[in-house]
Amino acid sequence: MTLPDHHLTEGERRIRSFHPHWKQLLGPVLALLLIALAAGAGLYLIPGDWQYAFYARLAVGAIALILLTVWSFVPYLRWKNTGYVLTTHRFTISTGVLNKSTDEIPMTKVNTVSSDQTLFERLLGCGTLTVESAGEKGQIALKDIPRIQEVRAELFRLVEDASDGDVDQHA
């Protein structure tokens, strides 16, 4: 996924790799359906015997393609290229489609781990994970983390293990 195994340090193990929650794709999927319906209706309503019918159909197709790219394809690529990797030594956050940005928080630098969920997020099992570290970025809030309670518990356990020096104890 976002952190290849050959980038792990000696004794470091991958605990969990994941993308943001699938609920981030609801808007792009809805946009895809609405654009497809609108384009289909537009093509249907263009009279076949109209002298500019070809150009009108071409314009409908081009507009639909542009809207699909902006409202469906690009958000999907952003979701697909956002990844979180939790290892025994660090928490890695990787984002970006064309340009890549990676933040790594060493477990020894994590001060606080907390989570927030709305009622809707509780039903879906996702939420916002807030990680406060001693690094220069301080507090990072990560939205739409799937299985938020499991991730928070694992992260907290790994932070405790790192502070106790028991990094490799839970194999």
C-alpha atoms as a PDB file:
ATOM      1  CA  MET A   1       0.000   0.000   0.000  1.00  0.00           C
ATOM      2  CA  THR A   2       1.617   3.305   1.042  1.00  0.00           C
ATOM      3  CA  LEU A   3       4.646   1.937   2.867  1.00  0.00           C
ATOM      4  CA  PRO A   4       6.411  -0.904   1.050  1.00  0.00           C
ATOM      5  CA  ASP A   5       7.785  -3.696   3.210  1.00  0.00           C
ATOM      6  CA  HIS A   6      11.355  -2.906   2.139  1.00  0.00           C
ATOM      7  CA  HIS A   7      10.972   0.542   3.799  1.00  0.00           C
ATOM      8  CA  LEU A   8      10.332  -1.002   7.208  1.00  0.00           C
ATOM      9  CA  THR A   9      13.234  -0.829   9.636  1.00  0.00           C
ATOM     10  CA  GLU A  10      14.779  -3.851  11.314  1.00  0.00           C
ATOM     11  CA  GLY A  11      12.290  -5.384  13.738  1.00  0.00           C
ATOM     12  CA  GLU A  12       9.430  -3.181  12.517  1.00  0.00           C
ATOM     13  CA  ARG A  13       6.139  -4.925  11.666  1.00  0.00           C
ATOM     14  CA  ARG A  14       3.113  -3.652   9.783  1.00  0.00           C
ATOM     15  CA  ILE A  15       0.073  -3.781  12.066  1.00  0.00           C
ATOM     16  CA  ARG A  16      -2.599  -2.264   9.828  1.00  0.00           C
ATOM     17  CA  SER A  17      -2.870  -0.545   6.426  1.00  0.00           C
ATOM     18  CA  PHE A  18      -6.045   1.236   5.367  1.00  0.00           C
ATOM     19  CA  HIS A  19      -7.677   3.984   3.326  1.00  0.00           C
ATOM     20  CA  PRO A  20     -10.188   6.533   4.607  1.00  0.00           C
ATOM     21  CA  HIS A  21     -13.709   5.180   5.159  1.00  0.00           C
ATOM     22  CA  TRP A  22     -15.745   4.353   2.049  1.00  0.00           C
ATOM     23  CA  LYS A  23     -18.318   7.010   3.004  1.00  0.00           C
ATOM     24  CA  GLN A  24     -16.017   9.519   1.270  1.00  0.00           C
ATOM     25  CA  LEU A  25     -17.038   7.870  -2.003  1.00  0.00           C
ATOM     26  CA  LEU A  26     -20.780   8.472  -1.549  1.00  0.00           C
ATOM     27  CA  GLY A  27     -20.626  11.966  -3.111  1.00  0.00           C
ATOM     28  CA  PRO A  28     -18.558  10.889  -6.135  1.00  0.00           C
ATOM     29  CA  VAL A  29     -20.824   7.876  -6.778  1.00  0.00           C
ATOM     30  CA  LEU A  30     -23.934  10.056  -6.502  1.00  0.00           C
ATOM     31  CA  ALA A  31     -22.322  12.580  -8.877  1.00  0.00           C
ATOM     32  CA  LEU A  32     -21.526   9.757 -11.317  1.00  0.00           C
ATOM     33  CA  LEU A  33     -25.143   8.602 -11.332  1.00  0.00           C
ATOM     34  CA  LEU A  34     -26.597  12.109 -11.682  1.00  0.00           C
ATOM     35  CA  ILE A  35     -24.187  13.092 -14.460  1.00  0.00           C
ATOM     36  CA  ALA A  36     -24.873   9.858 -16.345  1.00  0.00           C
ATOM     37  CA  LEU A  37     -28.639  10.396 -16.040  1.00  0.00           C
ATOM     38  CA  ALA A  38     -28.390  14.046 -17.087  1.00  0.00           C
ATOM     39  CA  ALA A  39     -26.146  13.219 -20.043  1.00  0.00           C
ATOM     40  CA  GLY A  40     -28.467  10.419 -21.113  1.00  0.00           C
ATOM     41  CA  ALA A  41     -31.486  12.728 -20.879  1.00  0.00           C
ATOM     42  CA  GLY A  42     -29.602  15.426 -22.777  1.00  0.00           C
ATOM     43  CA  LEU A  43     -28.680  13.032 -25.576  1.00  0.00           C
ATOM     44  CA  TYR A  44     -32.245  11.691 -25.734  1.00  0.00           C
ATOM     45  CA  LEU A  45     -33.778  15.151 -25.958  1.00  0.00           C
ATOM     46  CA  ILE A  46     -31.588  16.315 -28.851  1.00  0.00           C
ATOM     47  CA  PRO A  47     -33.692  15.948 -32.004  1.00  0.00           C
ATOM     48  CA  GLY A  48     -32.111  13.587 -34.525  1.00  0.00           C
ATOM     49  CA  ASP A  49     -33.055  15.669 -37.560  1.00  0.00           C
ATOM     50  CA  TRP A  50     -31.591  18.906 -36.164  1.00  0.00           C
ATOM     51  CA  GLN A  51     -28.671  20.126 -38.280  1.00  0.00           C
ATOM     52  CA  TYR A  52     -26.465  20.712 -35.203  1.00  0.00           C
ATOM     53  CA  ALA A  53     -27.375  17.441 -33.457  1.00  0.00           C
ATOM     54  CA  PHE A  54     -23.862  16.004 -33.854  1.00  0.00           C
ATOM     55  CA  TYR A  55     -22.266  19.066 -32.243  1.00  0.00           C
ATOM     56  CA  ALA A  56     -24.868  19.149 -29.480  1.00  0.00           C
ATOM     57  CA  ARG A  57     -24.242  15.462 -28.673  1.00  0.00           C
ATOM     58  CA  LEU A  58     -20.508  16.096 -28.735  1.00  0.00           C
ATOM     59  CA  ALA A  59     -20.953  19.032 -26.324  1.00  0.00           C
ATOM     60  CA  VAL A  60     -23.121  16.951 -23.961  1.00  0.00           C
ATOM     61  CA  GLY A  61     -20.518  14.173 -23.993  1.00  0.00           C
ATOM     62  CA  ALA A  62     -17.621  16.578 -23.404  1.00  0.00           C
ATOM     63  CA  ILE A  63     -19.398  18.355 -20.547  1.00  0.00           C
ATOM     64  CA  ALA A  64     -20.349  15.015 -18.977  1.00  0.00           C
ATOM     65  CA  LEU A  65     -16.748  13.792 -19.280  1.00  0.00           C
ATOM     66  CA  ILE A  66     -15.384  16.965 -17.661  1.00  0.00           C
ATOM     67  CA  LEU A  67     -17.924  16.801 -14.811  1.00  0.00           C
ATOM     68  CA  LEU A  68     -17.253  13.086 -14.267  1.00  0.00           C
ATOM     69  CA  THR A  69     -13.531  13.768 -14.089  1.00  0.00           C
ATOM     70  CA  VAL A  70     -13.870  16.634 -11.610  1.00  0.00           C
ATOM     71  CA  TRP A  71     -16.650  15.265  -9.388  1.00  0.00           C
ATOM     72  CA  SER A  72     -16.133  11.491  -9.559  1.00  0.00           C
ATOM     73  CA  PHE A  73     -12.761  10.381 -10.891  1.00  0.00           C
ATOM     74  CA  VAL A  74     -10.515  12.893  -9.081  1.00  0.00           C
ATOM     75  CA  PRO A  75     -12.192  12.357  -5.657  1.00  0.00           C
ATOM     76  CA  TYR A  76     -11.863   8.590  -6.159  1.00  0.00           C
ATOM     77  CA  LEU A  77      -8.165   8.959  -6.969  1.00  0.00           C
ATOM     78  CA  ARG A  78      -7.679  11.133  -3.868  1.00  0.00           C
ATOM     79  CA  TRP A  79      -9.403   8.492  -1.724  1.00  0.00           C
ATOM     80  CA  LYS A  80      -7.437   5.635  -3.310  1.00  0.00           C
ATOM     81  CA  ASN A  81      -4.124   7.470  -2.899  1.00  0.00           C
ATOM     82  CA  THR A  82      -4.686   8.414   0.731  1.00  0.00           C
ATOM     83  CA  GLY A  83      -3.341   5.707   2.957  1.00  0.00           C
ATOM     84  CA  TYR A  84      -2.549   5.097   6.566  1.00  0.00           C
ATOM     85  CA  VAL A  85      -0.041   2.540   7.789  1.00  0.00           C
ATOM     86  CA  LEU A  86       0.309   1.620  11.420  1.00  0.00           C
ATOM     87  CA  THR A  87       3.526  -0.215  12.310  1.00  0.00           C
ATOM     88  CA  THR A  88       5.193  -1.121  15.562  1.00  0.00           C
ATOM     89  CA  HIS A  89       7.444   1.952  15.258  1.00  0.00           C
ATOM     90  CA  ARG A  90       5.430   4.638  13.442  1.00  0.00           C
ATOM     91  CA  PHE A  91       2.147   5.871  12.061  1.00  0.00           C
ATOM     92  CA  THR A  92       2.460   6.873   8.386  1.00  0.00           C
ATOM     93  CA  ILE A  93       0.009   9.138   6.585  1.00  0.00           C
ATOM     94  CA  SER A  94       0.402   9.306   2.814  1.00  0.00           C
ATOM     95  CA  THR A  95      -1.637  11.561   0.504  1.00  0.00           C
ATOM     96  CA  GLY A  96      -1.501  12.805  -3.058  1.00  0.00           C
ATOM     97  CA  VAL A  97      -2.266  11.693  -6.584  1.00  0.00           C
ATOM     98  CA  LEU A  98       0.406  13.348  -8.712  1.00  0.00           C
ATOM     99  CA  ASN A  99       2.438  14.861  -5.883  1.00  0.00           C
ATOM    100  CA  LYS A 100       2.994  12.638  -2.859  1.00  0.00           C
ATOM    101  CA  SER A 101       3.074  13.854   0.729  1.00  0.00           C
ATOM    102  CA  THR A 102       4.022  11.534   3.577  1.00  0.00           C
ATOM    103  CA  ASP A 103       3.934  12.261   7.293  1.00  0.00           C
ATOM    104  CA  GLU A 104       5.410   9.821   9.754  1.00  0.00           C
ATOM    105  CA  ILE A 105       4.825  10.010  13.470  1.00  0.00           C
ATOM    106  CA  PRO A 106       7.192   7.867  15.532  1.00  0.00           C
ATOM    107  CA  MET A 107       5.356   5.989  18.289  1.00  0.00           C
ATOM    108  CA  THR A 108       7.805   7.380  20.831  1.00  0.00           C
ATOM    109  CA  LYS A 109       6.693  10.945  19.937  1.00  0.00           C
ATOM    110  CA  VAL A 110       2.920  10.379  20.285  1.00  0.00           C
ATOM    111  CA  ASN A 111       1.511  12.099  23.375  1.00  0.00           C
ATOM    112  CA  THR A 112      -2.246  11.732  23.013  1.00  0.00           C
ATOM    113  CA  VAL A 113      -4.613   9.604  20.929  1.00  0.00           C
ATOM    114  CA  SER A 114      -8.310  10.459  20.838  1.00  0.00           C
ATOM    115  CA  SER A 115     -11.329   9.825  18.639  1.00  0.00           C
ATOM    116  CA  ASP A 116     -14.577  11.635  17.884  1.00  0.00           C
ATOM    117  CA  GLN A 117     -17.681  10.229  16.224  1.00  0.00           C
ATOM    118  CA  THR A 118     -21.025  11.663  15.261  1.00  0.00           C
ATOM    119  CA  LEU A 119     -24.092   9.424  15.530  1.00  0.00           C
ATOM    120  CA  PHE A 120     -23.942   8.705  11.789  1.00  0.00           C
ATOM    121  CA  GLU A 121     -20.228   7.867  12.046  1.00  0.00           C
ATOM    122  CA  ARG A 122     -20.905   5.550  14.978  1.00  0.00           C
ATOM    123  CA  LEU A 123     -23.400   3.655  12.815  1.00  0.00           C
ATOM    124  CA  LEU A 124     -20.792   3.359  10.041  1.00  0.00           C
ATOM    125  CA  GLY A 125     -17.913   2.563  12.417  1.00  0.00           C
ATOM    126  CA  CYS A 126     -15.751   5.491  11.372  1.00  0.00           C
ATOM    127  CA  GLY A 127     -14.717   8.795  12.899  1.00  0.00           C
ATOM    128  CA  THR A 128     -12.016  11.383  13.409  1.00  0.00           C
ATOM    129  CA  LEU A 129      -8.747  10.268  14.963  1.00  0.00           C
ATOM    130  CA  THR A 130      -6.690  12.971  16.627  1.00  0.00           C
ATOM    131  CA  VAL A 131      -3.015  12.247  17.238  1.00  0.00           C
ATOM    132  CA  GLU A 132      -0.985  14.734  19.224  1.00  0.00           C
ATOM    133  CA  SER A 133       2.751  14.385  18.905  1.00  0.00           C
ATOM    134  CA  ALA A 134       5.830  16.109  20.207  1.00  0.00           C
ATOM    135  CA  GLY A 135       6.851  16.867  16.615  1.00  0.00           C
ATOM    136  CA  GLU A 136       6.609  20.154  14.757  1.00  0.00           C
ATOM    137  CA  LYS A 137       3.076  19.525  13.442  1.00  0.00           C
ATOM    138  CA  GLY A 138       1.694  19.031  16.954  1.00  0.00           C
ATOM    139  CA  GLN A 139      -1.854  17.794  16.555  1.00  0.00           C
ATOM    140  CA  ILE A 140      -3.124  15.987  13.466  1.00  0.00           C
ATOM    141  CA  ALA A 141      -6.839  15.290  12.974  1.00  0.00           C
ATOM    142  CA  LEU A 142      -7.552  12.483  10.508  1.00  0.00           C
ATOM    143  CA  LYS A 143     -11.152  12.337   9.311  1.00  0.00           C
ATOM    144  CA  ASP A 144     -13.125   9.282   8.232  1.00  0.00           C
ATOM    145  CA  ILE A 145     -10.895   6.635   9.749  1.00  0.00           C
ATOM    146  CA  PRO A 146     -12.583   3.214   9.339  1.00  0.00           C
ATOM    147  CA  ARG A 147     -12.949   0.998  12.423  1.00  0.00           C
ATOM    148  CA  ILE A 148     -11.943   3.996  14.499  1.00  0.00           C
ATOM    149  CA  GLN A 149     -12.145   2.268  17.869  1.00  0.00           C
ATOM    150  CA  GLU A 150      -9.910  -0.611  16.769  1.00  0.00           C
ATOM    151  CA  VAL A 151      -7.369   1.773  15.222  1.00  0.00           C
ATOM    152  CA  ARG A 152      -7.385   3.998  18.320  1.00  0.00           C
ATOM    153  CA  ALA A 153      -6.912   0.985  20.625  1.00  0.00           C
ATOM    154  CA  GLU A 154      -4.067  -0.429  18.492  1.00  0.00           C
ATOM    155  CA  LEU A 155      -2.384   2.957  18.257  1.00  0.00           C
ATOM    156  CA  PHE A 156      -2.682   3.494  22.001  1.00  0.00           C
ATOM    157  CA  ARG A 157      -1.282   0.003  22.701  1.00  0.00           C
ATOM    158  CA  LEU A 158       1.644   0.634  20.339  1.00  0.00           C
ATOM    159  CA  VAL A 159       2.364   3.982  22.011  1.00  0.00           C
ATOM    160  CA  GLU A 160       2.340   2.281  25.416  1.00  0.00           C
ATOM    161  CA  ASP A 161       4.620  -0.497  24.125  1.00  0.00           C
ATOM    162  CA  ALA A 162       7.022   2.062  22.638  1.00  0.00           C
ATOM    163  CA  SER A 163       7.186   4.025  25.890  1.00  0.00           C
ATOM    164  CA  ASP A 164       7.769   0.797  27.860  1.00  0.00           C
ATOM    165  CA  GLY A 165      10.372  -0.438  25.380  1.00  0.00           C
ATOM    166  CA  ASP A 166       8.246  -3.519  24.526  1.00  0.00           C
ATOM    167  CA  VAL A 167       7.885  -2.765  20.799  1.00  0.00           C
ATOM    168  CA  ASP A 168       8.180  -6.369  19.583  1.00  0.00           C
ATOM    169  CA  GLN A 169       6.326  -8.066  22.423  1.00  0.00           C
ATOM    170  CA  HIS A 170       2.950  -8.400  20.642  1.00  0.00           C
ATOM    171  CA  ALA A 171       3.845 -10.560  17.642  1.00  0.00           C
END
